[in-house]
C-alpha atoms as a PDB file:
ATOM      1  CA  MET A   1      30.408  -6.056 -28.368  1.00  0.00           C
ATOM      2  CA  VAL A   2      28.772  -6.772 -24.927  1.00  0.00           C
ATOM      3  CA  LEU A   3      25.082  -6.000 -24.948  1.00  0.00           C
ATOM      4  CA  THR A   4      23.481  -4.141 -21.748  1.00  0.00           C
ATOM      5  CA  PRO A   5      20.521  -6.023 -20.285  1.00  0.00           C
ATOM      6  CA  LEU A   6      17.325  -3.718 -20.970  1.00  0.00           C
ATOM      7  CA  ARG A   7      16.136  -2.120 -17.553  1.00  0.00           C
ATOM      8  CA  LYS A   8      12.681  -3.640 -16.568  1.00  0.00           C
ATOM      9  CA  ARG A   9       9.812  -1.435 -16.860  1.00  0.00           C
ATOM     10  CA  ILE A  10       7.509  -0.250 -14.178  1.00  0.00           C
ATOM     11  CA  LEU A  11       4.400   1.732 -14.241  1.00  0.00           C
ATOM     12  CA  ILE A  12       3.322   3.410 -10.896  1.00  0.00           C
ATOM     13  CA  THR A  13       0.002   4.861 -10.280  1.00  0.00           C
ATOM     14  CA  GLY A  14      -0.270   7.766  -7.213  1.00  0.00           C
ATOM     15  CA  LYS A  15       2.458   9.982  -8.827  1.00  0.00           C
ATOM     16  CA  ASN A  16       1.565  12.754  -6.525  1.00  0.00           C
ATOM     17  CA  SER A  17       1.535  10.408  -3.122  1.00  0.00           C
ATOM     18  CA  ARG A  18       4.469  10.859  -0.483  1.00  0.00           C
ATOM     19  CA  PHE A  19       5.124   7.447  -1.196  1.00  0.00           C
ATOM     20  CA  CYS A  20       5.836   8.138  -4.673  1.00  0.00           C
ATOM     21  CA  LYS A  21       8.522  10.885  -4.001  1.00  0.00           C
ATOM     22  CA  PHE A  22      10.214   8.156  -1.569  1.00  0.00           C
ATOM     23  CA  LEU A  23       9.942   5.437  -4.860  1.00  0.00           C
ATOM     24  CA  LYS A  24      11.375   7.533  -7.624  1.00  0.00           C
ATOM     25  CA  ASN A  25      15.154   7.161  -5.694  1.00  0.00           C
ATOM     26  CA  ASP A  26      14.709   3.884  -4.601  1.00  0.00           C
ATOM     27  CA  LEU A  27      13.687   2.329  -8.281  1.00  0.00           C
ATOM     28  CA  LYS A  28      16.735   4.506  -9.657  1.00  0.00           C
ATOM     29  CA  ARG A  29      17.570   1.134 -11.413  1.00  0.00           C
ATOM     30  CA  PHE A  30      14.666   0.198 -13.391  1.00  0.00           C
ATOM     31  CA  ASN A  31      12.722   2.198 -16.562  1.00  0.00           C
ATOM     32  CA  THR A  32      10.085   3.950 -14.386  1.00  0.00           C
ATOM     33  CA  ILE A  33       6.723   5.727 -15.300  1.00  0.00           C
ATOM     34  CA  PHE A  34       5.344   7.797 -12.957  1.00  0.00           C
ATOM     35  CA  THR A  35       1.660   8.293 -13.737  1.00  0.00           C
ATOM     36  CA  SER A  36      -1.608  10.443 -12.753  1.00  0.00           C
ATOM     37  CA  LYS A  37      -4.870  10.905 -13.177  1.00  0.00           C
ATOM     38  CA  GLU A  38      -4.171  13.147 -16.014  1.00  0.00           C
ATOM     39  CA  ASN A  39      -2.380  10.949 -18.180  1.00  0.00           C
ATOM     40  CA  PHE A  40      -3.565   7.614 -16.319  1.00  0.00           C
ATOM     41  CA  ASP A  41      -7.322   7.498 -15.258  1.00  0.00           C
ATOM     42  CA  VAL A  42      -8.044   4.378 -13.498  1.00  0.00           C
ATOM     43  CA  LEU A  43     -11.751   4.564 -14.189  1.00  0.00           C
ATOM     44  CA  ASN A  44     -11.448   5.209 -18.117  1.00  0.00           C
ATOM     45  CA  TYR A  45      -9.999   2.084 -19.069  1.00  0.00           C
ATOM     46  CA  THR A  46      -9.414   3.228 -22.839  1.00  0.00           C
ATOM     47  CA  LYS A  47      -7.688   5.684 -21.689  1.00  0.00           C
ATOM     48  CA  MET A  48      -5.448   3.685 -20.051  1.00  0.00           C
ATOM     49  CA  LYS A  49      -4.992   0.927 -22.616  1.00  0.00           C
ATOM     50  CA  ASN A  50      -4.077   3.527 -25.159  1.00  0.00           C
ATOM     51  CA  PHE A  51      -1.592   4.911 -23.014  1.00  0.00           C
ATOM     52  CA  ILE A  52       0.064   1.837 -21.870  1.00  0.00           C
ATOM     53  CA  LYS A  53      -0.130  -0.096 -25.626  1.00  0.00           C
ATOM     54  CA  ASN A  54       3.676   0.547 -27.102  1.00  0.00           C
ATOM     55  CA  LYS A  55       5.083   0.981 -23.738  1.00  0.00           C
ATOM     56  CA  LYS A  56       5.798  -2.599 -22.983  1.00  0.00           C
ATOM     57  CA  VAL A  57       5.544  -2.358 -19.214  1.00  0.00           C
ATOM     58  CA  ASP A  58       6.709  -5.186 -16.924  1.00  0.00           C
ATOM     59  CA  TYR A  59       5.475  -4.589 -13.624  1.00  0.00           C
ATOM     60  CA  LEU A  60       2.611  -2.148 -12.897  1.00  0.00           C
ATOM     61  CA  ILE A  61       2.451  -1.057  -9.264  1.00  0.00           C
ATOM     62  CA  HIS A  62      -1.158   0.207  -8.160  1.00  0.00           C
ATOM     63  CA  ILE A  63      -0.983   2.943  -5.286  1.00  0.00           C
ATOM     64  CA  ALA A  64      -3.515   5.341  -6.433  1.00  0.00           C
ATOM     65  CA  GLY A  65      -6.821   5.576  -4.691  1.00  0.00           C
ATOM     66  CA  LEU A  66      -8.815   7.339  -2.054  1.00  0.00           C
ATOM     67  CA  SER A  67      -7.447   7.025   1.248  1.00  0.00           C
ATOM     68  CA  ARG A  68      -8.054   9.961   3.886  1.00  0.00           C
ATOM     69  CA  PRO A  69      -9.573  10.938   5.710  1.00  0.00           C
ATOM     70  CA  MET A  70     -11.309   7.806   6.519  1.00  0.00           C
ATOM     71  CA  SER A  71     -14.368   9.591   6.868  1.00  0.00           C
ATOM     72  CA  ILE A  72     -14.539  10.424   2.986  1.00  0.00           C
ATOM     73  CA  HIS A  73     -15.253   6.842   2.600  1.00  0.00           C
ATOM     74  CA  ASP A  74     -18.936   7.200   4.465  1.00  0.00           C
ATOM     75  CA  GLU A  75     -19.458  10.545   3.290  1.00  0.00           C
ATOM     76  CA  LYS A  76     -18.446   9.470  -0.687  1.00  0.00           C
ATOM     77  CA  ILE A  77     -19.219   5.867  -1.103  1.00  0.00           C
ATOM     78  CA  ASN A  78     -20.261   6.553  -4.820  1.00  0.00           C
ATOM     79  CA  LEU A  79     -16.339   7.883  -4.695  1.00  0.00           C
ATOM     80  CA  SER A  80     -14.803   5.302  -2.627  1.00  0.00           C
ATOM     81  CA  ILE A  81     -16.422   2.403  -4.390  1.00  0.00           C
ATOM     82  CA  ASP A  82     -15.052   4.119  -8.592  1.00  0.00           C
ATOM     83  CA  LEU A  83     -11.331   4.783  -6.894  1.00  0.00           C
ATOM     84  CA  ASN A  84     -10.700   1.994  -5.032  1.00  0.00           C
ATOM     85  CA  ILE A  85     -13.157  -0.771  -6.267  1.00  0.00           C
ATOM     86  CA  ILE A  86     -14.080  -0.348  -9.836  1.00  0.00           C
ATOM     87  CA  GLY A  87     -10.743   1.375 -10.536  1.00  0.00           C
ATOM     88  CA  THR A  88      -8.649  -1.318  -9.185  1.00  0.00           C
ATOM     89  CA  ALA A  89     -10.777  -3.865 -10.992  1.00  0.00           C
ATOM     90  CA  ASN A  90      -9.536  -2.095 -14.459  1.00  0.00           C
ATOM     91  CA  ILE A  91      -5.862  -2.154 -13.538  1.00  0.00           C
ATOM     92  CA  VAL A  92      -6.301  -5.847 -13.132  1.00  0.00           C
ATOM     93  CA  LYS A  93      -7.928  -6.083 -16.688  1.00  0.00           C
ATOM     94  CA  LEU A  94      -5.379  -4.030 -17.907  1.00  0.00           C
ATOM     95  CA  CYS A  95      -2.752  -6.217 -16.450  1.00  0.00           C
ATOM     96  CA  ASN A  96      -4.779  -9.029 -17.758  1.00  0.00           C
ATOM     97  CA  GLU A  97      -4.716  -8.126 -21.340  1.00  0.00           C
ATOM     98  CA  PHE A  98      -0.673  -7.135 -21.692  1.00  0.00           C
ATOM     99  CA  ASN A  99       0.346  -9.362 -19.083  1.00  0.00           C
ATOM    100  CA  ILE A 100       1.659  -7.437 -16.613  1.00  0.00           C
ATOM    101  CA  LYS A 101       2.672  -8.423 -13.255  1.00  0.00           C
ATOM    102  CA  LEU A 102       0.521  -6.112 -10.869  1.00  0.00           C
ATOM    103  CA  ILE A 103       1.748  -5.457  -7.181  1.00  0.00           C
ATOM    104  CA  TYR A 104      -1.165  -4.032  -5.501  1.00  0.00           C
ATOM    105  CA  PHE A 105      -0.951  -1.770  -2.217  1.00  0.00           C
ATOM    106  CA  SER A 106      -3.874  -2.674   0.040  1.00  0.00           C
ATOM    107  CA  THR A 107      -3.871  -1.986   3.933  1.00  0.00           C
ATOM    108  CA  ASN A 108      -4.052  -4.031   7.228  1.00  0.00           C
ATOM    109  CA  TYR A 109      -7.081  -2.444   7.982  1.00  0.00           C
ATOM    110  CA  VAL A 110      -8.698  -5.406   6.101  1.00  0.00           C
ATOM    111  CA  TYR A 111      -8.005  -7.533   9.266  1.00  0.00           C
ATOM    112  CA  PRO A 112     -10.620  -7.585  12.191  1.00  0.00           C
ATOM    113  CA  GLY A 113      -8.620  -5.407  14.206  1.00  0.00           C
ATOM    114  CA  THR A 114      -9.264  -6.479  17.507  1.00  0.00           C
ATOM    115  CA  LYS A 115      -6.754  -9.639  18.772  1.00  0.00           C
ATOM    116  CA  GLY A 116      -3.988  -7.930  16.423  1.00  0.00           C
ATOM    117  CA  ASN A 117      -0.705  -9.784  15.075  1.00  0.00           C
ATOM    118  CA  TYR A 118      -2.257 -10.874  11.977  1.00  0.00           C
ATOM    119  CA  LYS A 119      -1.034 -13.198   9.473  1.00  0.00           C
ATOM    120  CA  GLU A 120      -1.564 -13.023   5.598  1.00  0.00           C
ATOM    121  CA  THR A 121      -3.734 -16.391   6.413  1.00  0.00           C
ATOM    122  CA  ASP A 122      -5.709 -15.162   9.407  1.00  0.00           C
ATOM    123  CA  PRO A 123      -9.594 -14.078   8.607  1.00  0.00           C
ATOM    124  CA  LEU A 124     -10.283 -10.889   6.801  1.00  0.00           C
ATOM    125  CA  LEU A 125     -13.456  -8.476   8.421  1.00  0.00           C
ATOM    126  CA  PRO A 126     -12.731  -4.946   7.737  1.00  0.00           C
ATOM    127  CA  ILE A 127     -14.196  -2.605  10.657  1.00  0.00           C
ATOM    128  CA  ASN A 128     -14.749   0.460   8.535  1.00  0.00           C
ATOM    129  CA  ASN A 129     -15.771   1.458   4.646  1.00  0.00           C
ATOM    130  CA  TYR A 130     -12.042   2.794   3.838  1.00  0.00           C
ATOM    131  CA  ALA A 131     -10.958  -0.518   4.651  1.00  0.00           C
ATOM    132  CA  TRP A 132     -13.882  -2.495   2.960  1.00  0.00           C
ATOM    133  CA  SER A 133     -12.985  -0.890  -0.445  1.00  0.00           C
ATOM    134  CA  LYS A 134      -9.540  -1.661   0.149  1.00  0.00           C
ATOM    135  CA  LEU A 135     -10.731  -5.184   0.343  1.00  0.00           C
ATOM    136  CA  GLY A 136     -13.115  -4.856  -2.835  1.00  0.00           C
ATOM    137  CA  GLY A 137      -9.851  -4.128  -4.531  1.00  0.00           C
ATOM    138  CA  GLU A 138      -7.975  -7.121  -3.032  1.00  0.00           C
ATOM    139  CA  ALA A 139     -10.959  -9.225  -4.527  1.00  0.00           C
ATOM    140  CA  SER A 140     -10.450  -8.118  -7.961  1.00  0.00           C
ATOM    141  CA  VAL A 141      -6.515  -8.783  -7.593  1.00  0.00           C
ATOM    142  CA  GLN A 142      -7.427 -12.217  -6.048  1.00  0.00           C
ATOM    143  CA  LEU A 143      -8.829 -13.753  -9.223  1.00  0.00           C
ATOM    144  CA  TYR A 144      -5.290 -12.338 -11.532  1.00  0.00           C
ATOM    145  CA  LYS A 145      -2.520 -14.727 -10.582  1.00  0.00           C
ATOM    146  CA  ASN A 146       0.520 -12.818 -11.786  1.00  0.00           C
ATOM    147  CA  SER A 147       0.158 -10.585  -8.896  1.00  0.00           C
ATOM    148  CA  LEU A 148       1.396  -9.388  -5.265  1.00  0.00           C
ATOM    149  CA  ILE A 149      -0.984  -7.786  -2.482  1.00  0.00           C
ATOM    150  CA  LEU A 150       0.924  -6.005  -0.038  1.00  0.00           C
ATOM    151  CA  ARG A 151      -0.855  -5.384   3.269  1.00  0.00           C
ATOM    152  CA  LEU A 152       0.695  -2.087   4.365  1.00  0.00           C
ATOM    153  CA  CYS A 153       0.617  -1.070   8.247  1.00  0.00           C
ATOM    154  CA  MET A 154       2.673   2.446   6.828  1.00  0.00           C
ATOM    155  CA  THR A 155       2.302   5.859   7.789  1.00  0.00           C
ATOM    156  CA  ASP A 156       4.240   9.240   6.455  1.00  0.00           C
ATOM    157  CA  TYR A 157       8.145  10.305   7.088  1.00  0.00           C
ATOM    158  CA  PRO A 158       8.217  12.315   8.820  1.00  0.00           C
ATOM    159  CA  PHE A 159       5.070  11.834  10.871  1.00  0.00           C
ATOM    160  CA  VAL A 160       3.051  14.934   9.869  1.00  0.00           C
ATOM    161  CA  HIS A 161      -0.193  14.759  11.889  1.00  0.00           C
ATOM    162  CA  LYS A 162      -0.681  17.026  15.431  1.00  0.00           C
ATOM    163  CA  LYS A 163      -2.798  14.182  17.116  1.00  0.00           C
ATOM    164  CA  ALA A 164      -2.519  10.325  17.430  1.00  0.00           C
ATOM    165  CA  ILE A 165      -4.708   7.936  18.895  1.00  0.00           C
ATOM    166  CA  LYS A 166      -4.224   6.779  22.408  1.00  0.00           C
ATOM    167  CA  GLY A 167      -5.442   3.213  23.382  1.00  0.00           C
ATOM    168  CA  ALA A 168      -5.010   1.462  19.923  1.00  0.00           C
ATOM    169  CA  THR A 169      -2.097  -0.802  18.669  1.00  0.00           C
ATOM    170  CA  THR A 170      -0.563  -1.072  15.360  1.00  0.00           C
ATOM    171  CA  SER A 171       2.479  -1.684  13.381  1.00  0.00           C
ATOM    172  CA  PHE A 172       3.326   1.368  11.659  1.00  0.00           C
ATOM    173  CA  MET A 173       6.352   1.390   9.818  1.00  0.00           C
ATOM    174  CA  PHE A 174       7.465   4.953   7.755  1.00  0.00           C
ATOM    175  CA  ASN A 175       7.039   5.171   3.947  1.00  0.00           C
ATOM    176  CA  LYS A 176      10.576   6.106   3.033  1.00  0.00           C
ATOM    177  CA  TYR A 177      11.305   2.245   4.387  1.00  0.00           C
ATOM    178  CA  VAL A 178       8.557   0.547   2.631  1.00  0.00           C
ATOM    179  CA  SER A 179      10.064   2.113  -0.332  1.00  0.00           C
ATOM    180  CA  LYS A 180      13.326   0.428   0.047  1.00  0.00           C
ATOM    181  CA  ILE A 181      11.585  -2.998   0.812  1.00  0.00           C
ATOM    182  CA  ILE A 182       9.440  -2.769  -2.700  1.00  0.00           C
ATOM    183  CA  PRO A 183      12.176  -3.676  -4.888  1.00  0.00           C
ATOM    184  CA  ARG A 184      12.947  -7.093  -3.523  1.00  0.00           C
ATOM    185  CA  LEU A 185       9.466  -7.639  -3.817  1.00  0.00           C
ATOM    186  CA  LEU A 186       8.882  -7.224  -7.638  1.00  0.00           C
ATOM    187  CA  ASP A 187       8.895 -10.689  -8.528  1.00  0.00           C
ATOM    188  CA  LYS A 188       6.824 -12.431  -5.385  1.00  0.00           C
ATOM    189  CA  LYS A 189       3.673 -13.233  -5.341  1.00  0.00           C
ATOM    190  CA  GLY A 190       0.396 -14.077  -3.384  1.00  0.00           C
ATOM    191  CA  ILE A 191      -0.162 -11.369  -0.022  1.00  0.00           C
ATOM    192  CA  ILE A 192       2.786 -10.118   1.915  1.00  0.00           C
ATOM    193  CA  ASN A 193       2.261  -8.124   4.875  1.00  0.00           C
ATOM    194  CA  ILE A 194       4.514  -4.830   5.476  1.00  0.00           C
ATOM    195  CA  GLY A 195       4.818  -3.569   8.930  1.00  0.00           C
ATOM    196  CA  GLY A 196       7.195  -2.483  11.632  1.00  0.00           C
ATOM    197  CA  LYS A 197       7.375  -3.033  15.787  1.00  0.00           C
ATOM    198  CA  LYS A 198       4.047  -3.797  17.607  1.00  0.00           C
ATOM    199  CA  ARG A 199       3.160  -0.084  19.608  1.00  0.00           C
ATOM    200  CA  ASP A 200       0.666   2.093  21.135  1.00  0.00           C
ATOM    201  CA  ILE A 201       0.050   4.962  17.885  1.00  0.00           C
ATOM    202  CA  LEU A 202       0.254   7.755  20.613  1.00  0.00           C
ATOM    203  CA  ASP A 203       2.982   6.225  21.559  1.00  0.00           C
ATOM    204  CA  PHE A 204       4.739   5.959  18.286  1.00  0.00           C
ATOM    205  CA  ALA A 205       3.811   9.225  17.108  1.00  0.00           C
ATOM    206  CA  ASN A 206       5.932  10.687  20.077  1.00  0.00           C
ATOM    207  CA  LYS A 207       8.851   8.646  19.895  1.00  0.00           C
ATOM    208  CA  PHE A 208       9.212   9.627  16.157  1.00  0.00           C
ATOM    209  CA  SER A 209       7.752  13.314  16.207  1.00  0.00           C
ATOM    210  CA  ASP A 210      10.088  16.315  17.269  1.00  0.00           C
ATOM    211  CA  LYS A 211       6.701  18.533  18.311  1.00  0.00           C
ATOM    212  CA  LYS A 212       3.854  17.574  21.571  1.00  0.00           C
ATOM    213  CA  ILE A 213       1.462  15.275  19.699  1.00  0.00           C
ATOM    214  CA  ALA A 214      -2.049  15.852  21.076  1.00  0.00           C
ATOM    215  CA  SER A 215      -3.967  12.719  22.157  1.00  0.00           C
ATOM    216  CA  ILE A 216      -7.309  11.024  20.312  1.00  0.00           C
ATOM    217  CA  ASN A 217      -9.063   8.761  23.058  1.00  0.00           C
ATOM    218  CA  PHE A 218      -9.472   5.336  21.847  1.00  0.00           C
ATOM    219  CA  LYS A 219     -12.565   5.045  23.149  1.00  0.00           C
ATOM    220  CA  ASN A 220     -14.377   7.859  21.513  1.00  0.00           C
ATOM    221  CA  LEU A 221     -14.382   6.254  18.144  1.00  0.00           C
ATOM    222  CA  SER A 222     -16.255   4.081  16.534  1.00  0.00           C
ATOM    223  CA  ASN A 223     -15.064   2.651  13.427  1.00  0.00           C
ATOM    224  CA  PHE A 224     -10.783   2.167  14.071  1.00  0.00           C
ATOM    225  CA  PRO A 225      -9.525  -0.922  15.088  1.00  0.00           C
ATOM    226  CA  LYS A 226      -8.040  -1.614  18.477  1.00  0.00           C
ATOM    227  CA  ASN A 227      -5.392  -3.768  17.426  1.00  0.00           C
ATOM    228  CA  SER A 228      -4.464  -3.697  13.744  1.00  0.00           C
ATOM    229  CA  SER A 229      -0.628  -5.394  14.124  1.00  0.00           C
ATOM    230  CA  ILE A 230       0.308  -7.496  11.953  1.00  0.00           C
ATOM    231  CA  GLU A 231       3.107 -10.567  11.582  1.00  0.00           C
ATOM    232  CA  VAL A 232       5.840  -9.771   9.309  1.00  0.00           C
ATOM    233  CA  LYS A 233       7.565 -13.337   9.712  1.00  0.00           C
ATOM    234  CA  LYS A 234       6.882 -13.748   5.807  1.00  0.00           C
ATOM    235  CA  LEU A 235       8.281 -10.534   4.893  1.00  0.00           C
ATOM    236  CA  LYS A 236      11.679 -10.871   6.708  1.00  0.00           C
ATOM    237  CA  LYS A 237      12.449 -14.646   5.500  1.00  0.00           C
ATOM    238  CA  ILE A 238      12.582 -12.492   2.066  1.00  0.00           C
ATOM    239  CA  LEU A 239      14.950  -9.960   3.180  1.00  0.00           C
ATOM    240  CA  LYS A 240      18.425 -10.357   3.677  1.00  0.00           C
ATOM    241  CA  LYS A 241      19.930 -10.202   7.214  1.00  0.00           C
ATOM    242  CA  ASP A 242      22.116  -7.187   6.318  1.00  0.00           C
ATOM    243  CA  PHE A 243      19.091  -5.201   4.793  1.00  0.00           C
ATOM    244  CA  ILE A 244      16.694  -5.866   8.046  1.00  0.00           C
ATOM    245  CA  LYS A 245      19.334  -3.829  10.180  1.00  0.00           C
ATOM    246  CA  LYS A 246      18.828  -0.931   8.342  1.00  0.00           C
ATOM    247  CA  ILE A 247      14.981  -1.059   8.374  1.00  0.00           C
ATOM    248  CA  ILE A 248      12.948  -0.404  11.704  1.00  0.00           C
ATOM    249  CA  PHE A 249      11.088  -3.616  12.187  1.00  0.00           C
END
């Protein structure tokens, strides 16, 4: 009798995010558990522990957190700290206790956002509270060596915003392409940048939207990076050439 190997089990936080709609399809060959605040509250360690203790989870992908609008991280600082820093620290403690590989979703905004083309080894200096909260999460993840930090420059597909910033450069990759990359990175450790081609944000929006996108002048913004583009050489070395052709870099 030939035994069928057990599928690896992955627990994913942030079940209701747009990104998870794509991830559910791209992780079909795994045994997945998508969680939300209702059954896996990152601020309730005991509840998380009780949920996970008999499930034999191999990987935990931590997507859940407070993101948009960015102004909420100025208006509700305590909430930002709770969800993005304390909640992530609880996830790290949980993974450490149950020996689970942790994949943490961070952001390219942890870089200074001035010169662009940032490598994973470049100095970090967030320009806004959202990025500081994500870097706070990174700090706890760095304590746990069985982990991978993904510094993502990602936006929703299709482009959902009615306005885009003119005069600011970044390296957006659509979430549907990022989702296809994730299964290939599960066993990697350290820090990996994920993003696409370097573009002006308004130019990107107009290229990939079938509707007219209004312009926001970068000069009118006080806490947004001028050039947050990232280098993805490390990522490209991991991915196979035939796969890279399917992804917009």
